[in-house]
Amino acid sequence: MSRVRYATPADHAAIAEVVAGAFGRADEAELVARLRTDGDAMFELVAEDAGSVQGHIFFSRLWADRTGLYGALAPLAVRPERQGEGLGSHLVRTGLECAKEFGCHGLLVLGDPAYYGRFGFSAHDAREVVSPYRGLAGFQALALEDGAFAERLNVAYPDAFSAV
């Protein structure tokens, strides 16, 4: 299994390559670069084998209308030739543990419900979240602390997301 660790600036070029390769376009890699530049990163992780980045996951902070840290998981990327080997799942599980350590109350994701549902994300938990992505089929939430999404929550995403 690949080793998962926090990303460093030395990883940025390899991360851009992995993300662009995974999505077949540069948009998501550009999103990651803008989030970093704007100071909106909560943290990011890489999966590496023999010093080579094979996967990446990014967590950005959100602005909420209550105290507590809320974040967005986006994007998650694995080199196309390594997809289906469990690297993405390993990155998500490790990322969720790291988010808890950061004191994050809850996370939002816009992605495949069948995939992210395996980690506890659900549209049901996102029903009280007011966001630009509310109502989209893949909009899901995961409470990392009890009650994180029990009451109405207004969130704003970093500006970089509006450019995607």
C-alpha atoms as a PDB file:
ATOM      1  CA  MET A   1       0.000   0.000   0.000  1.00  0.00           C
ATOM      2  CA  SER A   2       1.176   3.485  -0.766  1.00  0.00           C
ATOM      3  CA  ARG A   3       2.347   5.755   2.010  1.00  0.00           C
ATOM      4  CA  VAL A   4       0.034   8.703   2.710  1.00  0.00           C
ATOM      5  CA  ARG A   5       1.561  11.926   4.026  1.00  0.00           C
ATOM      6  CA  TYR A   6       0.936  15.645   4.090  1.00  0.00           C
ATOM      7  CA  ALA A   7       1.806  17.348   0.812  1.00  0.00           C
ATOM      8  CA  THR A   8       4.686  19.805   0.661  1.00  0.00           C
ATOM      9  CA  PRO A   9       5.468  22.571  -1.863  1.00  0.00           C
ATOM     10  CA  ALA A  10       7.970  20.199  -3.485  1.00  0.00           C
ATOM     11  CA  ASP A  11       4.977  17.995  -4.443  1.00  0.00           C
ATOM     12  CA  HIS A  12       2.997  20.693  -6.278  1.00  0.00           C
ATOM     13  CA  ALA A  13       4.159  19.874  -9.822  1.00  0.00           C
ATOM     14  CA  ALA A  14       3.555  16.135  -9.344  1.00  0.00           C
ATOM     15  CA  ILE A  15       0.153  16.854  -7.792  1.00  0.00           C
ATOM     16  CA  ALA A  16      -0.850  19.003 -10.783  1.00  0.00           C
ATOM     17  CA  GLU A  17       0.137  16.141 -13.099  1.00  0.00           C
ATOM     18  CA  VAL A  18      -1.818  13.552 -11.080  1.00  0.00           C
ATOM     19  CA  VAL A  19      -4.932  15.716 -10.807  1.00  0.00           C
ATOM     20  CA  ALA A  20      -4.952  16.694 -14.490  1.00  0.00           C
ATOM     21  CA  GLY A  21      -4.385  13.065 -15.484  1.00  0.00           C
ATOM     22  CA  ALA A  22      -7.153  11.766 -13.255  1.00  0.00           C
ATOM     23  CA  PHE A  23      -9.718  14.236 -14.579  1.00  0.00           C
ATOM     24  CA  GLY A  24      -8.457  14.355 -18.150  1.00  0.00           C
ATOM     25  CA  ARG A  25      -8.273  18.157 -18.031  1.00  0.00           C
ATOM     26  CA  ALA A  26      -6.479  20.920 -16.123  1.00  0.00           C
ATOM     27  CA  ASP A  27      -9.499  22.553 -14.406  1.00  0.00           C
ATOM     28  CA  GLU A  28      -9.216  20.682 -11.098  1.00  0.00           C
ATOM     29  CA  ALA A  29      -5.420  21.124 -10.974  1.00  0.00           C
ATOM     30  CA  GLU A  30      -5.950  24.853 -11.493  1.00  0.00           C
ATOM     31  CA  LEU A  31      -8.537  24.833  -8.686  1.00  0.00           C
ATOM     32  CA  VAL A  32      -5.960  23.323  -6.317  1.00  0.00           C
ATOM     33  CA  ALA A  33      -3.383  25.948  -7.308  1.00  0.00           C
ATOM     34  CA  ARG A  34      -5.878  28.811  -6.787  1.00  0.00           C
ATOM     35  CA  LEU A  35      -6.972  27.460  -3.396  1.00  0.00           C
ATOM     36  CA  ARG A  36      -3.348  27.314  -2.278  1.00  0.00           C
ATOM     37  CA  THR A  37      -2.568  30.803  -3.606  1.00  0.00           C
ATOM     38  CA  ASP A  38      -5.638  32.258  -1.902  1.00  0.00           C
ATOM     39  CA  GLY A  39      -4.724  30.645   1.440  1.00  0.00           C
ATOM     40  CA  ASP A  40      -7.875  28.510   1.503  1.00  0.00           C
ATOM     41  CA  ALA A  41      -6.236  25.124   2.063  1.00  0.00           C
ATOM     42  CA  MET A  42      -7.038  23.332   5.280  1.00  0.00           C
ATOM     43  CA  PHE A  43      -4.607  20.558   4.315  1.00  0.00           C
ATOM     44  CA  GLU A  44      -3.746  18.215   1.474  1.00  0.00           C
ATOM     45  CA  LEU A  45      -2.368  14.696   1.366  1.00  0.00           C
ATOM     46  CA  VAL A  46      -0.491  12.633  -1.194  1.00  0.00           C
ATOM     47  CA  ALA A  47      -0.162   8.896  -1.653  1.00  0.00           C
ATOM     48  CA  GLU A  48       3.307   7.964  -2.821  1.00  0.00           C
ATOM     49  CA  ASP A  49       5.186   4.860  -3.884  1.00  0.00           C
ATOM     50  CA  ALA A  50       8.979   4.940  -4.010  1.00  0.00           C
ATOM     51  CA  GLY A  51       8.935   8.746  -3.809  1.00  0.00           C
ATOM     52  CA  SER A  52       6.466   9.145  -6.700  1.00  0.00           C
ATOM     53  CA  VAL A  53       3.097  10.819  -6.107  1.00  0.00           C
ATOM     54  CA  GLN A  54       0.299   8.438  -7.139  1.00  0.00           C
ATOM     55  CA  GLY A  55      -2.714  10.166  -5.592  1.00  0.00           C
ATOM     56  CA  HIS A  56      -3.832  13.398  -3.944  1.00  0.00           C
ATOM     57  CA  ILE A  57      -6.688  14.726  -1.822  1.00  0.00           C
ATOM     58  CA  PHE A  58      -7.410  18.351  -0.967  1.00  0.00           C
ATOM     59  CA  PHE A  59      -9.446  19.813   1.897  1.00  0.00           C
ATOM     60  CA  SER A  60     -10.338  23.510   1.884  1.00  0.00           C
ATOM     61  CA  ARG A  61     -11.927  25.583   4.587  1.00  0.00           C
ATOM     62  CA  LEU A  62     -15.464  26.893   4.284  1.00  0.00           C
ATOM     63  CA  TRP A  63     -17.026  29.964   5.844  1.00  0.00           C
ATOM     64  CA  ALA A  64     -20.008  29.087   8.028  1.00  0.00           C
ATOM     65  CA  ASP A  65     -22.559  31.169   9.883  1.00  0.00           C
ATOM     66  CA  ARG A  66     -21.616  29.567  13.189  1.00  0.00           C
ATOM     67  CA  THR A  67     -18.467  28.882  15.102  1.00  0.00           C
ATOM     68  CA  GLY A  68     -16.523  25.781  14.251  1.00  0.00           C
ATOM     69  CA  LEU A  69     -14.426  24.650  11.366  1.00  0.00           C
ATOM     70  CA  TYR A  70     -16.171  23.242   8.294  1.00  0.00           C
ATOM     71  CA  GLY A  71     -14.421  22.010   5.189  1.00  0.00           C
ATOM     72  CA  ALA A  72     -14.844  20.792   1.640  1.00  0.00           C
ATOM     73  CA  LEU A  73     -13.236  17.681   0.214  1.00  0.00           C
ATOM     74  CA  ALA A  74     -12.250  18.450  -3.365  1.00  0.00           C
ATOM     75  CA  PRO A  75     -10.644  17.202  -5.413  1.00  0.00           C
ATOM     76  CA  LEU A  76      -9.622  13.585  -4.926  1.00  0.00           C
ATOM     77  CA  ALA A  77      -7.368  12.255  -7.680  1.00  0.00           C
ATOM     78  CA  VAL A  78      -5.453   9.049  -8.419  1.00  0.00           C
ATOM     79  CA  ARG A  79      -3.264   8.378 -11.453  1.00  0.00           C
ATOM     80  CA  PRO A  80      -5.487   6.657 -14.051  1.00  0.00           C
ATOM     81  CA  GLU A  81      -3.317   3.533 -14.161  1.00  0.00           C
ATOM     82  CA  ARG A  82      -3.608   3.193 -10.361  1.00  0.00           C
ATOM     83  CA  GLN A  83      -7.366   3.695 -10.071  1.00  0.00           C
ATOM     84  CA  GLY A  84      -9.290   0.772  -8.641  1.00  0.00           C
ATOM     85  CA  GLU A  85      -6.434  -0.286  -6.342  1.00  0.00           C
ATOM     86  CA  GLY A  86      -7.800   1.383  -3.198  1.00  0.00           C
ATOM     87  CA  LEU A  87      -5.534   4.444  -3.209  1.00  0.00           C
ATOM     88  CA  GLY A  88      -8.477   6.846  -3.327  1.00  0.00           C
ATOM     89  CA  SER A  89     -10.180   5.086  -0.417  1.00  0.00           C
ATOM     90  CA  HIS A  90      -6.935   5.150   1.555  1.00  0.00           C
ATOM     91  CA  LEU A  91      -6.601   8.898   0.929  1.00  0.00           C
ATOM     92  CA  VAL A  92     -10.218   9.565   1.951  1.00  0.00           C
ATOM     93  CA  ARG A  93      -9.984   7.520   5.164  1.00  0.00           C
ATOM     94  CA  THR A  94      -6.692   9.146   6.144  1.00  0.00           C
ATOM     95  CA  GLY A  95      -8.067  12.564   5.227  1.00  0.00           C
ATOM     96  CA  LEU A  96     -11.126  12.087   7.418  1.00  0.00           C
ATOM     97  CA  GLU A  97      -8.898  11.216  10.378  1.00  0.00           C
ATOM     98  CA  CYS A  98      -6.726  14.272   9.706  1.00  0.00           C
ATOM     99  CA  ALA A  99      -9.808  16.511   9.450  1.00  0.00           C
ATOM    100  CA  LYS A 100     -10.899  15.312  12.900  1.00  0.00           C
ATOM    101  CA  GLU A 101      -7.430  16.095  14.251  1.00  0.00           C
ATOM    102  CA  PHE A 102      -7.695  19.595  12.739  1.00  0.00           C
ATOM    103  CA  GLY A 103     -10.891  20.083  14.758  1.00  0.00           C
ATOM    104  CA  CYS A 104     -13.172  20.080  11.731  1.00  0.00           C
ATOM    105  CA  HIS A 105     -16.848  19.763  12.703  1.00  0.00           C
ATOM    106  CA  GLY A 106     -18.060  18.554   9.323  1.00  0.00           C
ATOM    107  CA  LEU A 107     -17.182  18.110   5.681  1.00  0.00           C
ATOM    108  CA  LEU A 108     -19.031  18.649   2.415  1.00  0.00           C
ATOM    109  CA  VAL A 109     -18.360  16.967  -0.902  1.00  0.00           C
ATOM    110  CA  LEU A 110     -19.810  17.153  -4.385  1.00  0.00           C
ATOM    111  CA  GLY A 111     -19.227  13.707  -5.828  1.00  0.00           C
ATOM    112  CA  ASP A 112     -20.545  10.259  -6.612  1.00  0.00           C
ATOM    113  CA  PRO A 113     -22.940   9.245  -3.807  1.00  0.00           C
ATOM    114  CA  ALA A 114     -22.104   5.558  -4.274  1.00  0.00           C
ATOM    115  CA  TYR A 115     -18.393   6.264  -3.781  1.00  0.00           C
ATOM    116  CA  TYR A 116     -18.507   8.833  -0.978  1.00  0.00           C
ATOM    117  CA  GLY A 117     -21.395   7.087   0.769  1.00  0.00           C
ATOM    118  CA  ARG A 118     -18.957   4.310   1.690  1.00  0.00           C
ATOM    119  CA  PHE A 119     -17.211   6.793   3.982  1.00  0.00           C
ATOM    120  CA  GLY A 120     -20.379   8.088   5.631  1.00  0.00           C
ATOM    121  CA  PHE A 121     -21.190  11.070   3.409  1.00  0.00           C
ATOM    122  CA  SER A 122     -24.891  11.444   2.659  1.00  0.00           C
ATOM    123  CA  ALA A 123     -27.327  13.792   0.967  1.00  0.00           C
ATOM    124  CA  HIS A 124     -29.584  13.364   3.997  1.00  0.00           C
ATOM    125  CA  ASP A 125     -26.948  14.962   6.250  1.00  0.00           C
ATOM    126  CA  ALA A 126     -26.622  17.870   3.791  1.00  0.00           C
ATOM    127  CA  ARG A 127     -30.341  18.705   3.805  1.00  0.00           C
ATOM    128  CA  GLU A 128     -29.878  21.601   6.294  1.00  0.00           C
ATOM    129  CA  VAL A 129     -26.859  23.056   4.487  1.00  0.00           C
ATOM    130  CA  VAL A 130     -27.409  26.170   2.402  1.00  0.00           C
ATOM    131  CA  SER A 131     -24.703  26.398  -0.248  1.00  0.00           C
ATOM    132  CA  PRO A 132     -24.362  27.113  -3.964  1.00  0.00           C
ATOM    133  CA  TYR A 133     -24.302  23.339  -4.541  1.00  0.00           C
ATOM    134  CA  ARG A 134     -27.423  22.526  -2.541  1.00  0.00           C
ATOM    135  CA  GLY A 135     -29.842  20.439  -4.557  1.00  0.00           C
ATOM    136  CA  LEU A 136     -27.215  18.871  -6.802  1.00  0.00           C
ATOM    137  CA  ALA A 137     -27.314  15.075  -6.822  1.00  0.00           C
ATOM    138  CA  GLY A 138     -23.769  14.660  -5.516  1.00  0.00           C
ATOM    139  CA  PHE A 139     -23.959  17.251  -2.711  1.00  0.00           C
ATOM    140  CA  GLN A 140     -23.304  15.370   0.540  1.00  0.00           C
ATOM    141  CA  ALA A 141     -22.204  15.992   4.105  1.00  0.00           C
ATOM    142  CA  LEU A 142     -20.367  14.064   6.787  1.00  0.00           C
ATOM    143  CA  ALA A 143     -20.592  15.146  10.426  1.00  0.00           C
ATOM    144  CA  LEU A 144     -17.262  14.617  12.161  1.00  0.00           C
ATOM    145  CA  GLU A 145     -18.765  15.839  15.441  1.00  0.00           C
ATOM    146  CA  ASP A 146     -22.259  15.124  16.726  1.00  0.00           C
ATOM    147  CA  GLY A 147     -24.795  17.668  15.553  1.00  0.00           C
ATOM    148  CA  ALA A 148     -22.525  19.324  12.994  1.00  0.00           C
ATOM    149  CA  PHE A 149     -25.344  19.403  10.422  1.00  0.00           C
ATOM    150  CA  ALA A 150     -28.366  19.023  12.712  1.00  0.00           C
ATOM    151  CA  GLU A 151     -29.445  22.658  12.298  1.00  0.00           C
ATOM    152  CA  ARG A 152     -29.554  24.967   9.306  1.00  0.00           C
ATOM    153  CA  LEU A 153     -26.030  25.917   8.248  1.00  0.00           C
ATOM    154  CA  ASN A 154     -25.114  28.539   5.657  1.00  0.00           C
ATOM    155  CA  VAL A 155     -21.706  28.009   4.073  1.00  0.00           C
ATOM    156  CA  ALA A 156     -19.657  29.901   1.532  1.00  0.00           C
ATOM    157  CA  TYR A 157     -17.018  28.205  -0.562  1.00  0.00           C
ATOM    158  CA  PRO A 158     -13.680  29.832  -1.377  1.00  0.00           C
ATOM    159  CA  ASP A 159     -13.745  32.068  -4.457  1.00  0.00           C
ATOM    160  CA  ALA A 160     -11.609  29.553  -6.396  1.00  0.00           C
ATOM    161  CA  PHE A 161     -14.605  27.208  -6.660  1.00  0.00           C
ATOM    162  CA  SER A 162     -16.628  29.741  -8.645  1.00  0.00           C
ATOM    163  CA  ALA A 163     -13.974  29.763 -11.355  1.00  0.00           C
ATOM    164  CA  VAL A 164     -14.235  26.002 -12.053  1.00  0.00           C
END
